[in-house]
């Protein structure tokens, strides 16, 4: 019986050692969470427009513009109709209320500071967490557009 237990322990140790490199590789891959710093890309010019920091607060995602990457760093949201009206876009919270549902985060809103409009939002990670596909829409998701953001950290 002692030999069987020792053999089982050796087998478990060998299995753990063999899995070690696989476990390390899994931890080295990008995170499975959208929390972090993201670079937004203009749909038309394909140039970076802003860095957006996504954080989790009270179980929901919140995103704010950390830095504007265009020549409009001093832009204000003159078309906003809520408390953000005429406030600086840099530092502004534009993404709120997204909660994890399966492989997506849904149920939130995104503000487009260019037109001051609020849209329903959902997002999902792509390319092992290196990209984020954010969909803003009115009513149903098919009535909207998707932007791809690139992870900065």
N, C-alpha and C. Protein backbone atom coordinates (compact mmCIF):
# COMPACT_ATOMS: atom_id res chain seq x y z
N UNK A 1 0.83 -1.19 0.00
CA UNK A 1 0.00 0.00 0.00
C UNK A 1 0.88 1.25 0.00
N UNK A 2 1.97 1.24 0.73
CA UNK A 2 2.88 2.37 0.81
C UNK A 2 3.49 2.65 -0.56
N UNK A 3 3.80 1.59 -1.29
CA UNK A 3 4.37 1.75 -2.62
C UNK A 3 3.36 2.40 -3.56
N UNK A 4 2.10 2.04 -3.45
CA UNK A 4 1.05 2.61 -4.29
C UNK A 4 0.91 4.11 -4.01
N UNK A 5 0.90 4.48 -2.72
CA UNK A 5 0.79 5.89 -2.35
C UNK A 5 2.00 6.68 -2.84
N UNK A 6 3.20 6.10 -2.69
CA UNK A 6 4.39 6.78 -3.16
C UNK A 6 4.35 6.94 -4.68
N UNK A 7 3.91 5.93 -5.39
CA UNK A 7 3.80 6.00 -6.84
C UNK A 7 2.79 7.07 -7.26
N UNK A 8 1.69 7.14 -6.53
CA UNK A 8 0.68 8.16 -6.82
C UNK A 8 1.24 9.55 -6.57
N UNK A 9 2.01 9.71 -5.48
CA UNK A 9 2.60 11.01 -5.17
C UNK A 9 3.62 11.39 -6.23
N UNK A 10 4.44 10.43 -6.67
CA UNK A 10 5.43 10.71 -7.72
C UNK A 10 4.70 11.09 -9.01
N UNK A 11 3.63 10.34 -9.32
CA UNK A 11 2.85 10.64 -10.53
C UNK A 11 2.25 12.04 -10.47
N UNK A 12 1.72 12.42 -9.31
CA UNK A 12 1.13 13.75 -9.15
C UNK A 12 2.20 14.83 -9.28
N UNK A 13 3.38 14.57 -8.71
CA UNK A 13 4.49 15.53 -8.80
C UNK A 13 4.93 15.70 -10.25
N UNK A 14 5.07 14.59 -10.97
CA UNK A 14 5.46 14.65 -12.39
C UNK A 14 4.41 15.39 -13.21
N UNK A 15 3.13 15.15 -12.92
CA UNK A 15 2.05 15.84 -13.64
C UNK A 15 2.11 17.34 -13.38
N UNK A 16 2.37 17.71 -12.12
CA UNK A 16 2.46 19.13 -11.78
C UNK A 16 3.66 19.77 -12.47
N UNK A 17 4.78 19.07 -12.50
CA UNK A 17 5.97 19.60 -13.18
C UNK A 17 5.73 19.75 -14.67
N UNK A 18 5.05 18.79 -15.26
CA UNK A 18 4.76 18.86 -16.70
C UNK A 18 3.80 20.00 -17.01
N UNK A 19 2.85 20.24 -16.11
CA UNK A 19 1.87 21.31 -16.34
C UNK A 19 2.45 22.68 -16.05
N UNK A 20 3.53 22.74 -15.31
CA UNK A 20 4.14 24.01 -14.93
C UNK A 20 4.35 24.96 -16.10
N UNK A 21 5.02 24.54 -17.18
CA UNK A 21 5.21 25.45 -18.32
C UNK A 21 3.89 25.90 -18.94
N UNK A 22 2.89 25.02 -18.97
CA UNK A 22 1.60 25.39 -19.53
C UNK A 22 0.92 26.44 -18.65
N UNK A 23 1.01 26.26 -17.34
CA UNK A 23 0.40 27.22 -16.44
C UNK A 23 1.10 28.57 -16.56
N UNK A 24 2.42 28.56 -16.69
CA UNK A 24 3.16 29.81 -16.86
C UNK A 24 2.77 30.51 -18.14
N UNK A 25 2.59 29.76 -19.21
CA UNK A 25 2.19 30.35 -20.49
C UNK A 25 0.80 30.98 -20.38
N UNK A 26 -0.09 30.32 -19.63
CA UNK A 26 -1.44 30.88 -19.47
C UNK A 26 -1.39 32.21 -18.73
N UNK A 27 -0.55 32.31 -17.71
CA UNK A 27 -0.45 33.56 -16.96
C UNK A 27 0.23 34.64 -17.78
N UNK A 28 1.05 34.28 -18.74
CA UNK A 28 1.77 35.27 -19.54
C UNK A 28 0.89 35.89 -20.62
N UNK A 29 -0.23 35.26 -20.94
CA UNK A 29 -1.12 35.79 -21.97
C UNK A 29 -1.86 37.01 -21.45
N UNK A 30 -2.34 37.87 -22.37
CA UNK A 30 -3.09 39.05 -21.95
C UNK A 30 -4.30 38.66 -21.11
N UNK A 31 -4.70 39.58 -20.28
CA UNK A 31 -5.79 39.35 -19.33
C UNK A 31 -7.12 39.09 -20.02
N UNK A 32 -8.00 38.38 -19.34
CA UNK A 32 -9.33 38.11 -19.84
C UNK A 32 -10.33 39.16 -19.38
N UNK A 33 -9.83 40.29 -18.96
CA UNK A 33 -10.68 41.38 -18.48
C UNK A 33 -10.41 42.63 -19.30
N UNK A 34 -11.43 43.44 -19.55
CA UNK A 34 -11.20 44.69 -20.27
C UNK A 34 -10.61 45.80 -19.40
N UNK A 35 -10.39 45.53 -18.12
CA UNK A 35 -9.80 46.54 -17.24
C UNK A 35 -8.38 46.83 -17.73
N UNK A 36 -8.08 48.11 -17.91
CA UNK A 36 -6.75 48.52 -18.38
C UNK A 36 -6.83 49.74 -19.26
N UNK A 37 -5.75 50.00 -19.97
CA UNK A 37 -5.64 51.17 -20.83
C UNK A 37 -5.77 50.74 -22.29
N UNK A 38 -6.63 51.45 -23.04
CA UNK A 38 -6.95 51.11 -24.42
C UNK A 38 -6.76 52.31 -25.33
N UNK A 39 -6.33 52.04 -26.54
CA UNK A 39 -6.17 53.08 -27.56
C UNK A 39 -7.33 52.97 -28.55
N UNK A 40 -8.09 54.07 -28.69
CA UNK A 40 -9.17 54.07 -29.67
C UNK A 40 -8.60 54.51 -31.01
N UNK A 41 -9.19 53.98 -32.07
CA UNK A 41 -8.72 54.25 -33.43
C UNK A 41 -9.86 54.86 -34.23
N UNK A 42 -9.58 55.95 -34.95
CA UNK A 42 -10.58 56.60 -35.79
C UNK A 42 -11.00 55.67 -36.91
N UNK A 43 -12.31 55.54 -37.12
CA UNK A 43 -12.84 54.64 -38.14
C UNK A 43 -12.38 55.01 -39.54
N UNK A 44 -12.29 56.29 -39.84
CA UNK A 44 -11.96 56.73 -41.20
C UNK A 44 -10.46 56.84 -41.44
N UNK A 45 -9.74 57.53 -40.53
CA UNK A 45 -8.31 57.77 -40.76
C UNK A 45 -7.44 56.61 -40.30
N UNK A 46 -7.98 55.75 -39.44
CA UNK A 46 -7.26 54.62 -38.85
C UNK A 46 -6.13 55.08 -37.93
N UNK A 47 -6.19 56.34 -37.49
CA UNK A 47 -5.17 56.88 -36.59
C UNK A 47 -5.69 56.85 -35.16
N UNK A 48 -4.77 56.73 -34.18
CA UNK A 48 -5.19 56.74 -32.78
C UNK A 48 -5.80 58.08 -32.40
N UNK A 49 -6.88 58.03 -31.61
CA UNK A 49 -7.54 59.27 -31.20
C UNK A 49 -7.46 59.54 -29.71
N UNK A 50 -7.45 58.49 -28.89
CA UNK A 50 -7.45 58.70 -27.44
C UNK A 50 -7.00 57.45 -26.72
N UNK A 51 -6.58 57.66 -25.47
CA UNK A 51 -6.34 56.55 -24.55
C UNK A 51 -7.48 56.55 -23.55
N UNK A 52 -8.12 55.39 -23.40
CA UNK A 52 -9.26 55.26 -22.51
C UNK A 52 -8.89 54.26 -21.42
N UNK A 53 -9.05 54.67 -20.19
CA UNK A 53 -8.79 53.80 -19.05
C UNK A 53 -10.10 53.17 -18.60
N UNK A 54 -10.17 51.83 -18.63
CA UNK A 54 -11.35 51.11 -18.16
C UNK A 54 -11.02 50.52 -16.79
N UNK A 55 -11.92 50.79 -15.84
CA UNK A 55 -11.78 50.28 -14.48
C UNK A 55 -13.09 49.61 -14.08
N UNK A 56 -13.02 48.85 -13.02
CA UNK A 56 -14.24 48.23 -12.49
C UNK A 56 -14.61 48.94 -11.19
N UNK A 57 -15.86 49.34 -11.09
CA UNK A 57 -16.37 50.00 -9.89
C UNK A 57 -17.75 49.43 -9.56
N UNK A 58 -17.90 48.92 -8.37
CA UNK A 58 -19.17 48.35 -7.91
C UNK A 58 -19.70 47.28 -8.87
N UNK A 59 -18.81 46.45 -9.39
CA UNK A 59 -19.22 45.34 -10.25
C UNK A 59 -19.51 45.71 -11.69
N UNK A 60 -19.27 46.96 -12.09
CA UNK A 60 -19.53 47.40 -13.47
C UNK A 60 -18.29 48.11 -14.01
N UNK A 61 -18.15 48.10 -15.32
CA UNK A 61 -17.03 48.78 -15.96
C UNK A 61 -17.33 50.26 -16.16
N UNK A 62 -16.30 51.07 -15.98
CA UNK A 62 -16.37 52.51 -16.20
C UNK A 62 -15.14 52.87 -17.01
N UNK A 63 -15.33 53.69 -18.06
CA UNK A 63 -14.20 54.11 -18.88
C UNK A 63 -14.13 55.61 -19.01
N UNK A 64 -12.92 56.16 -18.88
CA UNK A 64 -12.76 57.61 -19.04
C UNK A 64 -11.60 57.88 -19.99
N UNK A 65 -11.69 59.00 -20.66
CA UNK A 65 -10.65 59.40 -21.59
C UNK A 65 -9.47 59.92 -20.78
N UNK A 66 -8.38 59.19 -20.83
CA UNK A 66 -7.20 59.56 -20.06
C UNK A 66 -6.34 60.57 -20.82
N UNK A 67 -6.28 60.40 -22.14
CA UNK A 67 -5.45 61.32 -22.93
C UNK A 67 -5.98 61.38 -24.36
N UNK A 68 -6.10 62.58 -24.89
CA UNK A 68 -6.48 62.77 -26.28
C UNK A 68 -5.20 62.76 -27.11
N UNK A 69 -5.18 61.99 -28.19
CA UNK A 69 -3.97 61.82 -28.99
C UNK A 69 -3.99 62.62 -30.29
N UNK A 70 -4.94 63.53 -30.42
CA UNK A 70 -5.02 64.38 -31.61
C UNK A 70 -4.64 65.80 -31.24
N UNK A 71 -4.74 66.70 -32.19
CA UNK A 71 -4.43 68.10 -31.92
C UNK A 71 -5.56 68.81 -31.18
N UNK A 72 -6.58 68.07 -30.75
CA UNK A 72 -7.74 68.66 -30.04
C UNK A 72 -7.71 68.27 -28.55
N UNK A 73 -6.54 68.32 -27.94
CA UNK A 73 -6.40 67.93 -26.53
C UNK A 73 -7.23 68.79 -25.59
N UNK A 74 -7.58 70.01 -26.03
CA UNK A 74 -8.37 70.91 -25.18
C UNK A 74 -9.86 70.90 -25.52
N UNK A 75 -10.31 69.88 -26.26
CA UNK A 75 -11.71 69.80 -26.69
C UNK A 75 -12.65 69.75 -25.49
N UNK A 76 -13.83 70.35 -25.66
CA UNK A 76 -14.90 70.28 -24.67
C UNK A 76 -16.11 69.63 -25.34
N UNK A 77 -16.96 69.06 -24.53
CA UNK A 77 -18.15 68.40 -25.06
C UNK A 77 -19.28 69.43 -25.17
N UNK A 78 -19.20 70.26 -26.21
CA UNK A 78 -20.19 71.32 -26.38
C UNK A 78 -21.54 70.80 -26.85
N UNK A 79 -21.60 69.56 -27.36
CA UNK A 79 -22.87 68.99 -27.81
C UNK A 79 -23.51 68.07 -26.77
N UNK A 80 -22.84 67.88 -25.64
CA UNK A 80 -23.43 67.07 -24.57
C UNK A 80 -24.66 67.79 -24.01
N UNK A 81 -25.63 67.01 -23.56
CA UNK A 81 -26.85 67.60 -23.01
C UNK A 81 -27.01 67.33 -21.52
N UNK A 82 -26.05 66.62 -20.92
CA UNK A 82 -26.14 66.31 -19.50
C UNK A 82 -25.09 67.13 -18.73
N UNK A 83 -24.68 66.67 -17.58
CA UNK A 83 -23.73 67.39 -16.73
C UNK A 83 -22.36 67.55 -17.38
N UNK A 84 -22.10 66.83 -18.45
CA UNK A 84 -20.81 66.93 -19.15
C UNK A 84 -20.76 68.08 -20.15
N UNK A 85 -21.87 68.78 -20.33
CA UNK A 85 -21.93 69.90 -21.29
C UNK A 85 -20.82 70.90 -20.99
N UNK A 86 -20.06 71.23 -22.04
CA UNK A 86 -18.98 72.21 -22.01
C UNK A 86 -17.84 71.84 -21.06
N UNK A 87 -17.75 70.57 -20.68
CA UNK A 87 -16.65 70.09 -19.84
C UNK A 87 -15.54 69.54 -20.74
N UNK A 88 -14.29 69.55 -20.25
CA UNK A 88 -13.19 68.99 -21.04
C UNK A 88 -13.41 67.51 -21.34
N UNK A 89 -13.15 67.13 -22.58
CA UNK A 89 -13.29 65.73 -22.98
C UNK A 89 -12.20 64.89 -22.32
N UNK A 90 -10.99 65.43 -22.25
CA UNK A 90 -9.91 64.71 -21.58
C UNK A 90 -10.24 64.61 -20.10
N UNK A 91 -10.29 63.39 -19.58
CA UNK A 91 -10.67 63.14 -18.20
C UNK A 91 -12.14 62.77 -18.04
N UNK A 92 -12.91 62.89 -19.11
CA UNK A 92 -14.36 62.64 -19.07
C UNK A 92 -14.68 61.14 -19.05
N UNK A 93 -15.67 60.78 -18.23
CA UNK A 93 -16.19 59.42 -18.23
C UNK A 93 -17.12 59.27 -19.42
N UNK A 94 -16.82 58.28 -20.28
CA UNK A 94 -17.63 58.08 -21.48
C UNK A 94 -18.30 56.71 -21.53
N UNK A 95 -17.86 55.79 -20.67
CA UNK A 95 -18.36 54.42 -20.68
C UNK A 95 -18.80 54.06 -19.27
N UNK A 96 -20.05 53.60 -19.12
CA UNK A 96 -20.56 53.26 -17.79
C UNK A 96 -21.46 52.03 -17.84
N UNK A 97 -21.55 51.36 -16.69
CA UNK A 97 -22.58 50.35 -16.45
C UNK A 97 -22.45 49.01 -17.12
N UNK A 98 -21.33 48.69 -17.73
CA UNK A 98 -21.21 47.38 -18.40
C UNK A 98 -20.92 46.29 -17.38
N UNK A 99 -21.70 45.20 -17.45
CA UNK A 99 -21.51 44.06 -16.55
C UNK A 99 -21.29 42.80 -17.36
N UNK A 100 -20.48 41.91 -16.81
CA UNK A 100 -20.13 40.67 -17.51
C UNK A 100 -21.35 39.77 -17.65
N UNK A 101 -21.54 39.30 -18.87
CA UNK A 101 -22.62 38.36 -19.18
C UNK A 101 -22.05 37.36 -20.19
N UNK A 102 -21.63 36.21 -19.69
CA UNK A 102 -20.97 35.23 -20.56
C UNK A 102 -19.62 35.76 -21.00
N UNK A 103 -19.41 35.82 -22.31
CA UNK A 103 -18.14 36.30 -22.87
C UNK A 103 -18.16 37.79 -23.19
N UNK A 104 -19.27 38.46 -22.89
CA UNK A 104 -19.41 39.88 -23.21
C UNK A 104 -19.69 40.68 -21.94
N UNK A 105 -19.56 41.99 -22.06
CA UNK A 105 -19.97 42.93 -21.03
C UNK A 105 -21.08 43.75 -21.67
N UNK A 106 -22.25 43.77 -21.04
CA UNK A 106 -23.42 44.40 -21.65
C UNK A 106 -24.13 45.30 -20.64
N UNK A 107 -25.19 45.97 -21.12
CA UNK A 107 -26.06 46.75 -20.26
C UNK A 107 -25.55 48.13 -19.92
N UNK A 108 -24.54 48.59 -20.63
CA UNK A 108 -23.99 49.90 -20.31
C UNK A 108 -24.30 50.94 -21.36
N UNK A 109 -23.64 52.10 -21.19
CA UNK A 109 -23.80 53.20 -22.14
C UNK A 109 -22.43 53.76 -22.49
N UNK A 110 -22.36 54.33 -23.70
CA UNK A 110 -21.16 55.03 -24.12
C UNK A 110 -21.57 56.39 -24.69
N UNK A 111 -20.78 57.39 -24.35
CA UNK A 111 -20.99 58.73 -24.87
C UNK A 111 -20.04 58.96 -26.03
N UNK A 112 -20.56 59.50 -27.11
CA UNK A 112 -19.71 59.95 -28.21
C UNK A 112 -19.52 61.45 -28.01
N UNK A 113 -18.35 61.88 -27.54
CA UNK A 113 -18.14 63.31 -27.26
C UNK A 113 -18.20 64.18 -28.52
N UNK A 114 -18.06 63.58 -29.70
CA UNK A 114 -18.12 64.36 -30.94
C UNK A 114 -19.53 64.86 -31.24
N UNK A 115 -20.55 64.06 -30.86
CA UNK A 115 -21.91 64.50 -31.14
C UNK A 115 -22.76 64.64 -29.87
N UNK A 116 -22.19 64.32 -28.71
CA UNK A 116 -22.90 64.47 -27.44
C UNK A 116 -23.96 63.43 -27.19
N UNK A 117 -24.05 62.40 -28.03
CA UNK A 117 -25.11 61.40 -27.89
C UNK A 117 -24.66 60.22 -27.05
N UNK A 118 -25.63 59.67 -26.30
CA UNK A 118 -25.44 58.46 -25.53
C UNK A 118 -25.99 57.27 -26.30
N UNK A 119 -25.24 56.19 -26.30
CA UNK A 119 -25.66 54.96 -26.97
C UNK A 119 -25.59 53.81 -25.99
N UNK A 120 -26.43 52.80 -26.18
CA UNK A 120 -26.28 51.56 -25.44
C UNK A 120 -24.95 50.98 -25.88
N UNK A 121 -24.33 50.19 -25.00
CA UNK A 121 -23.02 49.65 -25.34
C UNK A 121 -22.87 48.22 -24.86
N UNK A 122 -22.05 47.50 -25.59
CA UNK A 122 -21.61 46.17 -25.17
C UNK A 122 -20.20 45.99 -25.72
N UNK A 123 -19.45 45.11 -25.09
CA UNK A 123 -18.09 44.89 -25.57
C UNK A 123 -17.68 43.46 -25.33
N UNK A 124 -16.67 43.06 -26.09
CA UNK A 124 -16.07 41.74 -25.89
C UNK A 124 -14.60 41.85 -26.27
N UNK A 125 -13.82 40.98 -25.68
CA UNK A 125 -12.40 40.94 -25.97
C UNK A 125 -12.15 40.09 -27.21
N UNK A 126 -11.10 40.43 -27.93
CA UNK A 126 -10.71 39.68 -29.12
C UNK A 126 -9.19 39.50 -29.10
N UNK A 127 -8.73 38.58 -29.90
CA UNK A 127 -7.29 38.31 -30.05
C UNK A 127 -6.60 38.15 -28.69
N UNK A 128 -7.13 37.22 -27.90
CA UNK A 128 -6.57 36.86 -26.59
C UNK A 128 -6.46 38.07 -25.66
N UNK A 129 -7.41 39.00 -25.76
CA UNK A 129 -7.43 40.14 -24.87
C UNK A 129 -6.61 41.33 -25.33
N UNK A 130 -6.01 41.24 -26.51
CA UNK A 130 -5.20 42.35 -27.03
C UNK A 130 -6.05 43.41 -27.70
N UNK A 131 -7.27 43.04 -28.09
CA UNK A 131 -8.20 43.99 -28.71
C UNK A 131 -9.54 43.92 -28.02
N UNK A 132 -10.26 45.02 -28.11
CA UNK A 132 -11.58 45.12 -27.51
C UNK A 132 -12.53 45.58 -28.61
N UNK A 133 -13.61 44.85 -28.79
CA UNK A 133 -14.63 45.22 -29.77
C UNK A 133 -15.80 45.83 -29.02
N UNK A 134 -15.96 47.14 -29.19
CA UNK A 134 -16.99 47.88 -28.48
C UNK A 134 -18.09 48.27 -29.47
N UNK A 135 -19.31 47.88 -29.14
CA UNK A 135 -20.45 48.17 -30.02
C UNK A 135 -21.34 49.19 -29.35
N UNK A 136 -21.55 50.32 -30.02
CA UNK A 136 -22.50 51.33 -29.58
C UNK A 136 -23.72 51.24 -30.47
N UNK A 137 -24.91 51.32 -29.88
CA UNK A 137 -26.12 51.13 -30.69
C UNK A 137 -27.33 51.83 -30.08
N UNK A 138 -28.34 51.97 -30.91
CA UNK A 138 -29.64 52.52 -30.49
C UNK A 138 -30.65 51.39 -30.60
N UNK A 139 -31.36 51.12 -29.52
CA UNK A 139 -32.38 50.08 -29.57
C UNK A 139 -31.81 48.68 -29.50
N UNK A 140 -31.44 48.12 -30.66
CA UNK A 140 -30.90 46.77 -30.71
C UNK A 140 -29.48 46.83 -31.30
N UNK A 141 -28.63 45.87 -30.92
CA UNK A 141 -27.23 45.91 -31.35
C UNK A 141 -27.02 45.95 -32.87
N UNK A 142 -27.97 45.45 -33.65
CA UNK A 142 -27.79 45.49 -35.11
C UNK A 142 -27.87 46.91 -35.65
N UNK A 143 -28.44 47.83 -34.86
CA UNK A 143 -28.53 49.23 -35.28
C UNK A 143 -27.42 50.03 -34.59
N UNK A 144 -26.20 49.78 -35.01
CA UNK A 144 -25.07 50.47 -34.39
C UNK A 144 -23.80 50.24 -35.16
N UNK A 145 -22.69 50.54 -34.50
CA UNK A 145 -21.39 50.31 -35.13
C UNK A 145 -20.41 49.81 -34.08
N UNK A 146 -19.40 49.11 -34.55
CA UNK A 146 -18.39 48.54 -33.68
C UNK A 146 -17.07 49.24 -33.90
N UNK A 147 -16.41 49.59 -32.81
CA UNK A 147 -15.06 50.12 -32.86
C UNK A 147 -14.14 49.10 -32.23
N UNK A 148 -12.93 48.99 -32.74
CA UNK A 148 -11.93 48.12 -32.15
C UNK A 148 -10.88 48.98 -31.47
N UNK A 149 -10.65 48.72 -30.20
CA UNK A 149 -9.63 49.40 -29.42
C UNK A 149 -8.48 48.44 -29.19
N UNK A 150 -7.30 48.96 -29.04
CA UNK A 150 -6.09 48.16 -28.87
C UNK A 150 -5.55 48.35 -27.46
N UNK A 151 -5.22 47.24 -26.81
CA UNK A 151 -4.73 47.29 -25.42
C UNK A 151 -3.36 47.96 -25.39
N UNK A 152 -3.20 48.88 -24.46
CA UNK A 152 -1.94 49.59 -24.27
C UNK A 152 -1.11 48.98 -23.15
N UNK A 153 -1.72 48.33 -22.19
CA UNK A 153 -0.95 47.73 -21.09
C UNK A 153 -1.52 46.39 -20.73
